[in-house]
């Protein structure tokens, strides 16, 4: 039994992270100030579909809603394609999915998002120890000028890299 546990800890792929999907628009349109790892409540066909093909996080966002006396975080607009071998109980591709966070984390994020200009954006989805996780970023929107500065800075960095190689 101890040998089996040692094998699991030796990096057989179970303990590490395996990237499923990223949200390229998140860092392009927002300044990500803080990232938080959240679990995600999925149905059986959703997890099978994620393992078979990559979901799309491009237009997705996180919303915090009051459910009775407590707050809950929901992932909205994340597209997970229907499972190819699913039947009549297959999931809706764009359904809202509950994020699994501690109550204190949700309350703190809710306080941060009520400030002007802040939002919660999923930046990537990955497997960690066989469980699907979502990395949620507390983000502030970029203006058009900020985006232009980023593009200029990246092109300057590329030119400097080219010059250094020569």
C-alpha atoms as a PDB file:
ATOM      1  CA  UNK A   1       0.000   0.000   0.000  1.00  0.00           C
ATOM      2  CA  UNK A   2       2.850   2.390   0.817  1.00  0.00           C
ATOM      3  CA  UNK A   3       4.357   1.663  -2.600  1.00  0.00           C
ATOM      4  CA  UNK A   4       1.085   2.668  -4.281  1.00  0.00           C
ATOM      5  CA  UNK A   5       1.023   5.985  -2.382  1.00  0.00           C
ATOM      6  CA  UNK A   6       4.663   6.635  -3.257  1.00  0.00           C
ATOM      7  CA  UNK A   7       3.850   5.977  -6.907  1.00  0.00           C
ATOM      8  CA  UNK A   8       1.011   8.503  -6.807  1.00  0.00           C
ATOM      9  CA  UNK A   9       3.242  11.191  -5.294  1.00  0.00           C
ATOM     10  CA  UNK A  10       6.066  10.592  -7.749  1.00  0.00           C
ATOM     11  CA  UNK A  11       4.437  12.683 -10.464  1.00  0.00           C
ATOM     12  CA  UNK A  12       2.467  10.071 -12.352  1.00  0.00           C
ATOM     13  CA  UNK A  13       0.223  12.857 -13.671  1.00  0.00           C
ATOM     14  CA  UNK A  14      -2.453  12.639 -10.971  1.00  0.00           C
ATOM     15  CA  UNK A  15      -1.081  15.372  -8.720  1.00  0.00           C
ATOM     16  CA  UNK A  16      -0.155  17.958 -11.354  1.00  0.00           C
ATOM     17  CA  UNK A  17      -2.233  20.377 -13.306  1.00  0.00           C
ATOM     18  CA  UNK A  18      -3.384  19.660 -16.838  1.00  0.00           C
ATOM     19  CA  UNK A  19      -4.590  22.684 -18.770  1.00  0.00           C
ATOM     20  CA  UNK A  20      -7.974  22.305 -20.462  1.00  0.00           C
ATOM     21  CA  UNK A  21      -8.761  25.796 -21.778  1.00  0.00           C
ATOM     22  CA  UNK A  22      -7.674  29.406 -21.469  1.00  0.00           C
ATOM     23  CA  UNK A  23      -9.431  32.704 -21.979  1.00  0.00           C
ATOM     24  CA  UNK A  24      -7.170  34.793 -24.239  1.00  0.00           C
ATOM     25  CA  UNK A  25      -9.534  37.756 -24.187  1.00  0.00           C
ATOM     26  CA  UNK A  26      -9.292  38.043 -20.386  1.00  0.00           C
ATOM     27  CA  UNK A  27      -5.747  39.458 -20.282  1.00  0.00           C
ATOM     28  CA  UNK A  28      -6.337  41.418 -23.479  1.00  0.00           C
ATOM     29  CA  UNK A  29      -9.364  43.340 -22.186  1.00  0.00           C
ATOM     30  CA  UNK A  30      -8.709  43.421 -18.427  1.00  0.00           C
ATOM     31  CA  UNK A  31      -6.022  44.096 -15.847  1.00  0.00           C
ATOM     32  CA  UNK A  32      -6.060  40.914 -13.730  1.00  0.00           C
ATOM     33  CA  UNK A  33      -5.296  42.002 -10.162  1.00  0.00           C
ATOM     34  CA  UNK A  34      -5.851  38.730  -8.297  1.00  0.00           C
ATOM     35  CA  UNK A  35      -6.565  35.115  -9.235  1.00  0.00           C
ATOM     36  CA  UNK A  36      -8.506  32.570  -7.207  1.00  0.00           C
ATOM     37  CA  UNK A  37      -8.875  28.841  -7.787  1.00  0.00           C
ATOM     38  CA  UNK A  38     -12.452  27.594  -7.677  1.00  0.00           C
ATOM     39  CA  UNK A  39     -13.999  24.189  -8.062  1.00  0.00           C
ATOM     40  CA  UNK A  40     -16.851  23.817 -10.502  1.00  0.00           C
ATOM     41  CA  UNK A  41     -20.010  21.729 -10.143  1.00  0.00           C
ATOM     42  CA  UNK A  42     -20.415  19.693 -13.348  1.00  0.00           C
ATOM     43  CA  UNK A  43     -22.715  16.932 -14.523  1.00  0.00           C
ATOM     44  CA  UNK A  44     -21.392  13.586 -15.763  1.00  0.00           C
ATOM     45  CA  UNK A  45     -21.752  14.399 -19.444  1.00  0.00           C
ATOM     46  CA  UNK A  46     -20.029  17.758 -18.933  1.00  0.00           C
ATOM     47  CA  UNK A  47     -16.920  16.231 -17.380  1.00  0.00           C
ATOM     48  CA  UNK A  48     -16.796  13.565 -20.111  1.00  0.00           C
ATOM     49  CA  UNK A  49     -17.115  16.269 -22.757  1.00  0.00           C
ATOM     50  CA  UNK A  50     -14.335  18.327 -21.128  1.00  0.00           C
ATOM     51  CA  UNK A  51     -12.025  15.308 -21.135  1.00  0.00           C
ATOM     52  CA  UNK A  52     -12.803  14.666 -24.824  1.00  0.00           C
ATOM     53  CA  UNK A  53     -12.648  18.249 -26.134  1.00  0.00           C
ATOM     54  CA  UNK A  54     -11.807  21.729 -24.943  1.00  0.00           C
ATOM     55  CA  UNK A  55     -14.506  24.081 -23.598  1.00  0.00           C
ATOM     56  CA  UNK A  56     -14.719  27.736 -24.673  1.00  0.00           C
ATOM     57  CA  UNK A  57     -14.241  30.440 -22.009  1.00  0.00           C
ATOM     58  CA  UNK A  58     -14.040  33.397 -24.419  1.00  0.00           C
ATOM     59  CA  UNK A  59     -17.322  35.158 -23.542  1.00  0.00           C
ATOM     60  CA  UNK A  60     -17.742  33.727 -20.055  1.00  0.00           C
ATOM     61  CA  UNK A  61     -17.929  35.645 -16.800  1.00  0.00           C
ATOM     62  CA  UNK A  62     -18.641  35.045 -13.114  1.00  0.00           C
ATOM     63  CA  UNK A  63     -21.653  36.498 -11.352  1.00  0.00           C
ATOM     64  CA  UNK A  64     -22.313  36.502  -7.612  1.00  0.00           C
ATOM     65  CA  UNK A  65     -25.986  36.157  -6.707  1.00  0.00           C
ATOM     66  CA  UNK A  66     -27.839  36.130  -3.401  1.00  0.00           C
ATOM     67  CA  UNK A  67     -29.523  32.787  -2.746  1.00  0.00           C
ATOM     68  CA  UNK A  68     -31.598  33.279   0.367  1.00  0.00           C
ATOM     69  CA  UNK A  69     -29.266  34.516   3.113  1.00  0.00           C
ATOM     70  CA  UNK A  70     -26.040  33.464   1.408  1.00  0.00           C
ATOM     71  CA  UNK A  71     -24.139  34.410  -1.714  1.00  0.00           C
ATOM     72  CA  UNK A  72     -23.274  31.998  -4.528  1.00  0.00           C
ATOM     73  CA  UNK A  73     -20.834  32.349  -7.427  1.00  0.00           C
ATOM     74  CA  UNK A  74     -21.964  31.189 -10.882  1.00  0.00           C
ATOM     75  CA  UNK A  75     -20.006  30.720 -14.102  1.00  0.00           C
ATOM     76  CA  UNK A  76     -22.077  32.016 -17.018  1.00  0.00           C
ATOM     77  CA  UNK A  77     -21.641  31.726 -20.803  1.00  0.00           C
ATOM     78  CA  UNK A  78     -18.935  29.046 -20.616  1.00  0.00           C
ATOM     79  CA  UNK A  79     -19.524  26.760 -23.584  1.00  0.00           C
ATOM     80  CA  UNK A  80     -19.028  23.048 -22.949  1.00  0.00           C
ATOM     81  CA  UNK A  81     -20.053  21.097 -26.028  1.00  0.00           C
ATOM     82  CA  UNK A  82     -22.615  18.296 -25.596  1.00  0.00           C
ATOM     83  CA  UNK A  83     -21.058  14.895 -24.998  1.00  0.00           C
ATOM     84  CA  UNK A  84     -20.923  12.990 -28.286  1.00  0.00           C
ATOM     85  CA  UNK A  85     -22.133   9.712 -26.719  1.00  0.00           C
ATOM     86  CA  UNK A  86     -24.723  11.404 -24.495  1.00  0.00           C
ATOM     87  CA  UNK A  87     -28.400  10.622 -24.715  1.00  0.00           C
ATOM     88  CA  UNK A  88     -31.536  12.538 -23.736  1.00  0.00           C
ATOM     89  CA  UNK A  89     -29.910  13.510 -20.405  1.00  0.00           C
ATOM     90  CA  UNK A  90     -27.095  15.391 -22.139  1.00  0.00           C
ATOM     91  CA  UNK A  91     -26.383  18.877 -20.752  1.00  0.00           C
ATOM     92  CA  UNK A  92     -27.131  22.309 -22.198  1.00  0.00           C
ATOM     93  CA  UNK A  93     -23.888  23.787 -23.641  1.00  0.00           C
ATOM     94  CA  UNK A  94     -24.308  27.280 -22.118  1.00  0.00           C
ATOM     95  CA  UNK A  95     -25.990  26.436 -18.807  1.00  0.00           C
ATOM     96  CA  UNK A  96     -24.958  28.294 -15.651  1.00  0.00           C
ATOM     97  CA  UNK A  97     -22.524  26.341 -13.464  1.00  0.00           C
ATOM     98  CA  UNK A  98     -21.994  26.815  -9.746  1.00  0.00           C
ATOM     99  CA  UNK A  99     -18.481  27.647  -8.569  1.00  0.00           C
ATOM    100  CA  UNK A 100     -17.322  26.033  -5.361  1.00  0.00           C
ATOM    101  CA  UNK A 101     -15.712  28.639  -3.111  1.00  0.00           C
ATOM    102  CA  UNK A 102     -15.636  29.304   0.623  1.00  0.00           C
ATOM    103  CA  UNK A 103     -18.289  31.709   1.925  1.00  0.00           C
ATOM    104  CA  UNK A 104     -15.607  34.197   3.041  1.00  0.00           C
ATOM    105  CA  UNK A 105     -14.060  34.190  -0.448  1.00  0.00           C
ATOM    106  CA  UNK A 106     -17.420  34.836  -2.090  1.00  0.00           C
ATOM    107  CA  UNK A 107     -18.220  37.678   0.321  1.00  0.00           C
ATOM    108  CA  UNK A 108     -14.827  39.297  -0.284  1.00  0.00           C
ATOM    109  CA  UNK A 109     -15.187  38.962  -4.073  1.00  0.00           C
ATOM    110  CA  UNK A 110     -18.697  40.385  -3.897  1.00  0.00           C
ATOM    111  CA  UNK A 111     -17.342  43.403  -2.012  1.00  0.00           C
ATOM    112  CA  UNK A 112     -14.588  43.847  -4.598  1.00  0.00           C
ATOM    113  CA  UNK A 113     -16.950  43.601  -7.575  1.00  0.00           C
ATOM    114  CA  UNK A 114     -19.319  46.206  -6.188  1.00  0.00           C
ATOM    115  CA  UNK A 115     -16.489  48.735  -6.515  1.00  0.00           C
ATOM    116  CA  UNK A 116     -16.555  50.675  -9.772  1.00  0.00           C
ATOM    117  CA  UNK A 117     -15.155  48.877 -12.799  1.00  0.00           C
ATOM    118  CA  UNK A 118     -14.312  45.482 -11.264  1.00  0.00           C
ATOM    119  CA  UNK A 119     -15.559  42.159 -12.568  1.00  0.00           C
ATOM    120  CA  UNK A 120     -14.808  38.449 -12.225  1.00  0.00           C
ATOM    121  CA  UNK A 121     -13.440  36.742 -15.335  1.00  0.00           C
ATOM    122  CA  UNK A 122     -12.402  33.090 -15.725  1.00  0.00           C
ATOM    123  CA  UNK A 123      -8.846  33.007 -17.040  1.00  0.00           C
ATOM    124  CA  UNK A 124      -8.299  29.259 -17.444  1.00  0.00           C
ATOM    125  CA  UNK A 125      -9.791  25.837 -16.749  1.00  0.00           C
ATOM    126  CA  UNK A 126      -7.652  22.863 -15.753  1.00  0.00           C
ATOM    127  CA  UNK A 127      -7.631  19.473 -14.046  1.00  0.00           C
ATOM    128  CA  UNK A 128      -5.943  19.281 -10.659  1.00  0.00           C
ATOM    129  CA  UNK A 129      -5.762  15.840  -9.032  1.00  0.00           C
ATOM    130  CA  UNK A 130      -8.498  14.677 -11.404  1.00  0.00           C
ATOM    131  CA  UNK A 131     -10.909  17.489 -10.499  1.00  0.00           C
ATOM    132  CA  UNK A 132     -11.946  20.293 -12.844  1.00  0.00           C
ATOM    133  CA  UNK A 133     -10.921  23.724 -11.544  1.00  0.00           C
ATOM    134  CA  UNK A 134     -11.457  27.253 -12.835  1.00  0.00           C
ATOM    135  CA  UNK A 135      -9.047  30.115 -12.225  1.00  0.00           C
ATOM    136  CA  UNK A 136     -11.097  33.256 -11.662  1.00  0.00           C
ATOM    137  CA  UNK A 137      -9.466  36.663 -11.960  1.00  0.00           C
ATOM    138  CA  UNK A 138     -10.567  39.843 -10.217  1.00  0.00           C
ATOM    139  CA  UNK A 139     -10.244  42.238 -13.112  1.00  0.00           C
ATOM    140  CA  UNK A 140     -10.549  45.891 -13.993  1.00  0.00           C
ATOM    141  CA  UNK A 141     -11.440  46.806 -17.572  1.00  0.00           C
ATOM    142  CA  UNK A 142      -8.841  48.330 -19.863  1.00  0.00           C
ATOM    143  CA  UNK A 143      -9.492  51.476 -21.817  1.00  0.00           C
ATOM    144  CA  UNK A 144      -8.672  51.783 -25.498  1.00  0.00           C
ATOM    145  CA  UNK A 145      -5.503  53.683 -24.616  1.00  0.00           C
ATOM    146  CA  UNK A 146      -4.371  50.915 -22.236  1.00  0.00           C
ATOM    147  CA  UNK A 147      -4.831  48.336 -24.979  1.00  0.00           C
ATOM    148  CA  UNK A 148      -2.805  50.446 -27.400  1.00  0.00           C
ATOM    149  CA  UNK A 149       0.005  50.779 -24.861  1.00  0.00           C
ATOM    150  CA  UNK A 150       0.072  46.992 -24.396  1.00  0.00           C
ATOM    151  CA  UNK A 151       0.321  46.419 -28.147  1.00  0.00           C
ATOM    152  CA  UNK A 152       3.110  48.997 -28.458  1.00  0.00           C
ATOM    153  CA  UNK A 153       5.026  47.490 -25.515  1.00  0.00           C
ATOM    154  CA  UNK A 154       4.751  43.958 -26.956  1.00  0.00           C
ATOM    155  CA  UNK A 155       5.934  45.054 -30.398  1.00  0.00           C
ATOM    156  CA  UNK A 156       8.886  46.914 -28.804  1.00  0.00           C
ATOM    157  CA  UNK A 157       9.800  43.778 -26.841  1.00  0.00           C
ATOM    158  CA  UNK A 158       9.678  41.674 -30.037  1.00  0.00           C
ATOM    159  CA  UNK A 159      11.947  44.144 -31.831  1.00  0.00           C
ATOM    160  CA  UNK A 160      14.431  44.072 -28.946  1.00  0.00           C
ATOM    161  CA  UNK A 161      14.419  40.243 -28.991  1.00  0.00           C
ATOM    162  CA  UNK A 162      15.148  40.265 -32.733  1.00  0.00           C
ATOM    163  CA  UNK A 163      17.977  42.770 -32.234  1.00  0.00           C
ATOM    164  CA  UNK A 164      19.473  40.681 -29.415  1.00  0.00           C
ATOM    165  CA  UNK A 165      19.457  37.533 -31.606  1.00  0.00           C
ATOM    166  CA  UNK A 166      21.394  39.334 -34.328  1.00  0.00           C
END
